[in-house]
Amino acid sequence: MRIALHTMVRADRSDEYQGARQEVPEELIAAIRTAGVSEWTIWRSGTDLFHLLEVEDYPAMIAAWENLPANIAWRAPMAELLEVVHGYSAQGATASSLPVVWQL
């Protein structure tokens, strides 16, 4: 599955966000891969963050992450840095992702 998401960093916290993304814990990276994610890219334009994930099964990934200590530890500081925090719901493949409007 290819999932596109949109979040927004707080304007006054963008430098902190950039720094935090340079230090993603290895335990979290391993959990991301174990949950079936083969690629996750985030682009930033001002305060807008655009995510593109290649994942085997997005709802299964969310379920696997729900109570994962590494993910819980990561979400707390991220929530302070983000203006718009994606809920990463299990319905994300339909309800929370950006819809495709055109593809070549």
N, C-alpha and C. Protein backbone atom coordinates (compact mmCIF):
# COMPACT_ATOMS: atom_id res chain seq x y z
N MET A 1 0.84 -1.17 0.00
CA MET A 1 0.00 0.00 0.00
C MET A 1 0.89 1.24 0.00
N ARG A 2 0.46 2.24 -0.72
CA ARG A 2 1.14 3.53 -0.69
C ARG A 2 0.21 4.50 0.03
N ILE A 3 0.69 5.09 1.13
CA ILE A 3 -0.11 5.98 1.96
C ILE A 3 0.56 7.34 1.99
N ALA A 4 -0.21 8.39 1.69
CA ALA A 4 0.27 9.77 1.78
C ALA A 4 -0.43 10.45 2.94
N LEU A 5 0.34 11.11 3.79
CA LEU A 5 -0.20 11.79 4.96
C LEU A 5 0.29 13.23 4.99
N HIS A 6 -0.44 14.07 5.70
CA HIS A 6 -0.07 15.46 5.86
C HIS A 6 -0.11 15.82 7.33
N THR A 7 0.98 16.39 7.83
CA THR A 7 1.03 16.93 9.18
C THR A 7 1.64 18.32 9.07
N MET A 8 1.65 19.05 10.16
CA MET A 8 2.24 20.39 10.16
C MET A 8 3.06 20.59 11.42
N VAL A 9 4.26 21.11 11.23
CA VAL A 9 5.12 21.42 12.37
C VAL A 9 4.75 22.83 12.87
N ARG A 10 4.87 23.05 14.18
CA ARG A 10 4.63 24.38 14.74
C ARG A 10 5.70 25.32 14.20
N ALA A 11 5.30 26.49 13.75
CA ALA A 11 6.23 27.43 13.13
C ALA A 11 7.40 27.77 14.04
N ASP A 12 7.15 27.87 15.33
CA ASP A 12 8.21 28.24 16.27
C ASP A 12 9.05 27.04 16.73
N ARG A 13 8.74 25.85 16.23
CA ARG A 13 9.45 24.64 16.65
C ARG A 13 10.09 23.89 15.48
N SER A 14 10.13 24.52 14.30
CA SER A 14 10.60 23.82 13.10
C SER A 14 12.06 23.37 13.21
N ASP A 15 12.92 24.18 13.83
CA ASP A 15 14.31 23.77 13.99
C ASP A 15 14.43 22.55 14.91
N GLU A 16 13.64 22.54 15.97
CA GLU A 16 13.64 21.39 16.89
C GLU A 16 13.14 20.13 16.18
N TYR A 17 12.11 20.30 15.36
CA TYR A 17 11.58 19.16 14.61
C TYR A 17 12.64 18.59 13.69
N GLN A 18 13.31 19.48 12.96
CA GLN A 18 14.36 19.05 12.03
C GLN A 18 15.44 18.27 12.78
N GLY A 19 15.83 18.76 13.94
CA GLY A 19 16.84 18.07 14.74
C GLY A 19 16.36 16.72 15.24
N ALA A 20 15.10 16.67 15.67
CA ALA A 20 14.55 15.40 16.18
C ALA A 20 14.53 14.35 15.08
N ARG A 21 14.25 14.74 13.86
CA ARG A 21 14.18 13.80 12.75
C ARG A 21 15.57 13.27 12.38
N GLN A 22 16.60 13.95 12.80
CA GLN A 22 17.96 13.47 12.55
C GLN A 22 18.36 12.40 13.57
N GLU A 23 17.55 12.25 14.63
CA GLU A 23 17.89 11.35 15.72
C GLU A 23 16.78 10.35 16.01
N VAL A 24 16.19 9.77 14.99
CA VAL A 24 15.14 8.77 15.19
C VAL A 24 15.78 7.53 15.82
N PRO A 25 15.24 7.09 16.95
CA PRO A 25 15.84 5.94 17.65
C PRO A 25 15.84 4.67 16.79
N GLU A 26 16.93 3.93 16.86
CA GLU A 26 17.05 2.68 16.10
C GLU A 26 15.94 1.70 16.44
N GLU A 27 15.53 1.68 17.71
CA GLU A 27 14.44 0.79 18.13
C GLU A 27 13.15 1.13 17.38
N LEU A 28 12.89 2.42 17.17
CA LEU A 28 11.70 2.83 16.44
C LEU A 28 11.83 2.48 14.96
N ILE A 29 12.99 2.68 14.38
CA ILE A 29 13.22 2.32 12.98
C ILE A 29 13.00 0.82 12.78
N ALA A 30 13.52 0.02 13.69
CA ALA A 30 13.33 -1.43 13.60
C ALA A 30 11.85 -1.79 13.70
N ALA A 31 11.13 -1.12 14.59
CA ALA A 31 9.69 -1.38 14.75
C ALA A 31 8.92 -0.98 13.49
N ILE A 32 9.32 0.09 12.85
CA ILE A 32 8.69 0.54 11.61
C ILE A 32 8.85 -0.55 10.54
N ARG A 33 10.06 -1.04 10.40
CA ARG A 33 10.32 -2.09 9.40
C ARG A 33 9.58 -3.39 9.75
N THR A 34 9.59 -3.76 11.02
CA THR A 34 8.89 -4.98 11.45
C THR A 34 7.40 -4.89 11.17
N ALA A 35 6.85 -3.68 11.24
CA ALA A 35 5.42 -3.47 10.99
C ALA A 35 5.08 -3.47 9.50
N GLY A 36 6.08 -3.71 8.64
CA GLY A 36 5.81 -3.86 7.21
C GLY A 36 6.07 -2.63 6.36
N VAL A 37 6.71 -1.62 6.92
CA VAL A 37 7.02 -0.41 6.15
C VAL A 37 8.35 -0.60 5.44
N SER A 38 8.34 -0.48 4.11
CA SER A 38 9.58 -0.60 3.35
C SER A 38 10.19 0.77 3.04
N GLU A 39 9.35 1.80 2.98
CA GLU A 39 9.84 3.16 2.76
C GLU A 39 8.94 4.14 3.49
N TRP A 40 9.57 5.21 4.02
CA TRP A 40 8.80 6.30 4.62
C TRP A 40 9.61 7.56 4.39
N THR A 41 9.10 8.42 3.56
CA THR A 41 9.78 9.67 3.24
C THR A 41 8.91 10.82 3.72
N ILE A 42 9.56 11.84 4.30
CA ILE A 42 8.85 13.04 4.73
C ILE A 42 9.50 14.24 4.03
N TRP A 43 8.66 15.03 3.35
CA TRP A 43 9.11 16.27 2.75
C TRP A 43 8.56 17.42 3.57
N ARG A 44 9.32 18.52 3.63
CA ARG A 44 8.86 19.70 4.37
C ARG A 44 8.85 20.90 3.45
N SER A 45 7.76 21.64 3.49
CA SER A 45 7.64 22.92 2.80
C SER A 45 7.09 23.91 3.81
N GLY A 46 7.96 24.74 4.36
CA GLY A 46 7.55 25.63 5.43
C GLY A 46 7.14 24.82 6.64
N THR A 47 5.90 24.95 7.05
CA THR A 47 5.41 24.18 8.19
C THR A 47 4.67 22.92 7.78
N ASP A 48 4.46 22.72 6.49
CA ASP A 48 3.76 21.54 5.98
C ASP A 48 4.72 20.36 5.85
N LEU A 49 4.27 19.21 6.34
CA LEU A 49 5.04 17.97 6.23
C LEU A 49 4.21 16.98 5.44
N PHE A 50 4.80 16.43 4.39
CA PHE A 50 4.12 15.46 3.54
C PHE A 50 4.84 14.13 3.66
N HIS A 51 4.11 13.10 4.04
CA HIS A 51 4.66 11.77 4.27
C HIS A 51 4.21 10.85 3.14
N LEU A 52 5.10 10.00 2.68
CA LEU A 52 4.74 8.95 1.74
C LEU A 52 5.29 7.64 2.29
N LEU A 53 4.39 6.69 2.54
CA LEU A 53 4.76 5.40 3.09
C LEU A 53 4.47 4.31 2.08
N GLU A 54 5.35 3.35 1.99
CA GLU A 54 5.11 2.10 1.30
C GLU A 54 5.03 1.06 2.40
N VAL A 55 3.85 0.48 2.58
CA VAL A 55 3.62 -0.43 3.70
C VAL A 55 2.77 -1.60 3.23
N GLU A 56 3.05 -2.77 3.76
CA GLU A 56 2.29 -3.96 3.37
C GLU A 56 0.82 -3.81 3.71
N ASP A 57 0.52 -3.40 4.94
CA ASP A 57 -0.86 -3.32 5.42
C ASP A 57 -0.92 -2.21 6.46
N TYR A 58 -1.42 -1.04 6.07
CA TYR A 58 -1.44 0.13 6.94
C TYR A 58 -2.23 -0.11 8.24
N PRO A 59 -3.46 -0.62 8.19
CA PRO A 59 -4.17 -0.88 9.44
C PRO A 59 -3.42 -1.85 10.36
N ALA A 60 -2.77 -2.86 9.81
CA ALA A 60 -1.99 -3.79 10.63
C ALA A 60 -0.78 -3.08 11.25
N MET A 61 -0.17 -2.17 10.50
CA MET A 61 0.95 -1.40 11.03
C MET A 61 0.51 -0.58 12.23
N ILE A 62 -0.63 0.09 12.11
CA ILE A 62 -1.15 0.92 13.20
C ILE A 62 -1.44 0.06 14.42
N ALA A 63 -2.05 -1.09 14.20
CA ALA A 63 -2.35 -2.00 15.32
C ALA A 63 -1.08 -2.46 16.01
N ALA A 64 -0.04 -2.75 15.23
CA ALA A 64 1.23 -3.20 15.80
C ALA A 64 1.90 -2.10 16.62
N TRP A 65 1.68 -0.86 16.26
CA TRP A 65 2.31 0.28 16.92
C TRP A 65 1.58 0.78 18.15
N GLU A 66 0.29 0.50 18.23
CA GLU A 66 -0.57 1.12 19.23
C GLU A 66 0.05 1.21 20.62
N ASN A 67 0.53 0.10 21.13
CA ASN A 67 1.07 0.07 22.49
C ASN A 67 2.57 -0.20 22.54
N LEU A 68 3.23 0.00 21.42
CA LEU A 68 4.67 -0.24 21.35
C LEU A 68 5.42 0.85 22.13
N PRO A 69 6.20 0.49 23.14
CA PRO A 69 6.89 1.50 23.96
C PRO A 69 7.74 2.48 23.15
N ALA A 70 8.45 2.01 22.13
CA ALA A 70 9.28 2.92 21.33
C ALA A 70 8.42 3.96 20.61
N ASN A 71 7.26 3.57 20.13
CA ASN A 71 6.37 4.50 19.44
C ASN A 71 5.74 5.48 20.43
N ILE A 72 5.32 5.00 21.58
CA ILE A 72 4.73 5.87 22.60
C ILE A 72 5.75 6.92 23.03
N ALA A 73 6.99 6.49 23.24
CA ALA A 73 8.05 7.42 23.64
C ALA A 73 8.32 8.46 22.55
N TRP A 74 8.21 8.09 21.30
CA TRP A 74 8.47 9.00 20.18
C TRP A 74 7.31 9.99 20.00
N ARG A 75 6.09 9.51 20.14
CA ARG A 75 4.90 10.36 19.90
C ARG A 75 4.83 11.53 20.87
N ALA A 76 5.23 11.35 22.11
CA ALA A 76 5.10 12.40 23.11
C ALA A 76 5.86 13.68 22.71
N PRO A 77 7.15 13.61 22.42
CA PRO A 77 7.83 14.84 22.01
C PRO A 77 7.39 15.34 20.63
N MET A 78 7.01 14.43 19.74
CA MET A 78 6.53 14.87 18.42
C MET A 78 5.24 15.68 18.55
N ALA A 79 4.37 15.27 19.46
CA ALA A 79 3.10 15.98 19.66
C ALA A 79 3.34 17.43 20.07
N GLU A 80 4.42 17.68 20.80
CA GLU A 80 4.75 19.04 21.21
C GLU A 80 5.31 19.87 20.06
N LEU A 81 5.87 19.22 19.05
CA LEU A 81 6.48 19.93 17.93
C LEU A 81 5.52 20.15 16.76
N LEU A 82 4.44 19.38 16.72
CA LEU A 82 3.54 19.42 15.58
C LEU A 82 2.28 20.23 15.86
N GLU A 83 1.89 21.03 14.88
CA GLU A 83 0.64 21.79 14.95
C GLU A 83 -0.53 20.87 14.57
N VAL A 84 -0.35 20.11 13.51
CA VAL A 84 -1.34 19.14 13.06
C VAL A 84 -0.68 17.78 13.18
N VAL A 85 -1.18 16.98 14.12
CA VAL A 85 -0.63 15.65 14.37
C VAL A 85 -1.56 14.65 13.71
N HIS A 86 -1.01 13.81 12.85
CA HIS A 86 -1.83 12.77 12.22
C HIS A 86 -2.20 11.76 13.29
N GLY A 87 -3.44 11.34 13.28
CA GLY A 87 -3.91 10.39 14.28
C GLY A 87 -3.46 8.97 14.03
N TYR A 88 -2.93 8.68 12.85
CA TYR A 88 -2.50 7.33 12.50
C TYR A 88 -3.55 6.30 12.87
N SER A 89 -4.78 6.54 12.41
CA SER A 89 -5.86 5.61 12.73
C SER A 89 -5.76 4.36 11.88
N ALA A 90 -6.39 3.30 12.36
CA ALA A 90 -6.39 2.04 11.62
C ALA A 90 -7.18 2.17 10.32
N GLN A 91 -7.98 3.23 10.20
CA GLN A 91 -8.72 3.48 8.97
C GLN A 91 -7.91 4.37 8.03
N GLY A 92 -6.63 4.59 8.36
CA GLY A 92 -5.79 5.53 7.65
C GLY A 92 -5.73 5.36 6.15
N ALA A 93 -5.85 4.13 5.68
CA ALA A 93 -5.73 3.90 4.25
C ALA A 93 -6.91 4.51 3.49
N THR A 94 -7.99 4.79 4.19
CA THR A 94 -9.13 5.40 3.52
C THR A 94 -9.49 6.74 4.12
N ALA A 95 -9.60 6.83 5.43
CA ALA A 95 -10.14 8.03 6.06
C ALA A 95 -9.08 9.10 6.35
N SER A 96 -7.86 8.70 6.67
CA SER A 96 -6.88 9.67 7.14
C SER A 96 -5.80 10.00 6.12
N SER A 97 -5.72 9.27 5.05
CA SER A 97 -4.66 9.52 4.09
C SER A 97 -5.10 10.54 3.05
N LEU A 98 -4.13 11.08 2.35
CA LEU A 98 -4.44 12.00 1.27
C LEU A 98 -4.96 11.19 0.09
N PRO A 99 -6.09 11.57 -0.47
CA PRO A 99 -6.62 10.81 -1.62
C PRO A 99 -5.81 11.09 -2.88
N VAL A 100 -5.69 10.09 -3.71
CA VAL A 100 -5.01 10.25 -5.01
C VAL A 100 -5.97 10.97 -5.95
N VAL A 101 -5.49 12.06 -6.57
CA VAL A 101 -6.32 12.77 -7.55
C VAL A 101 -5.79 12.62 -8.96
N TRP A 102 -4.53 12.22 -9.08
CA TRP A 102 -3.96 11.96 -10.41
C TRP A 102 -2.66 11.19 -10.22
N GLN A 103 -2.38 10.29 -11.16
CA GLN A 103 -1.15 9.52 -11.09
C GLN A 103 -0.72 9.16 -12.50
N LEU A 104 0.56 9.27 -12.80
CA LEU A 104 1.10 8.91 -14.11
C LEU A 104 1.69 7.53 -14.02
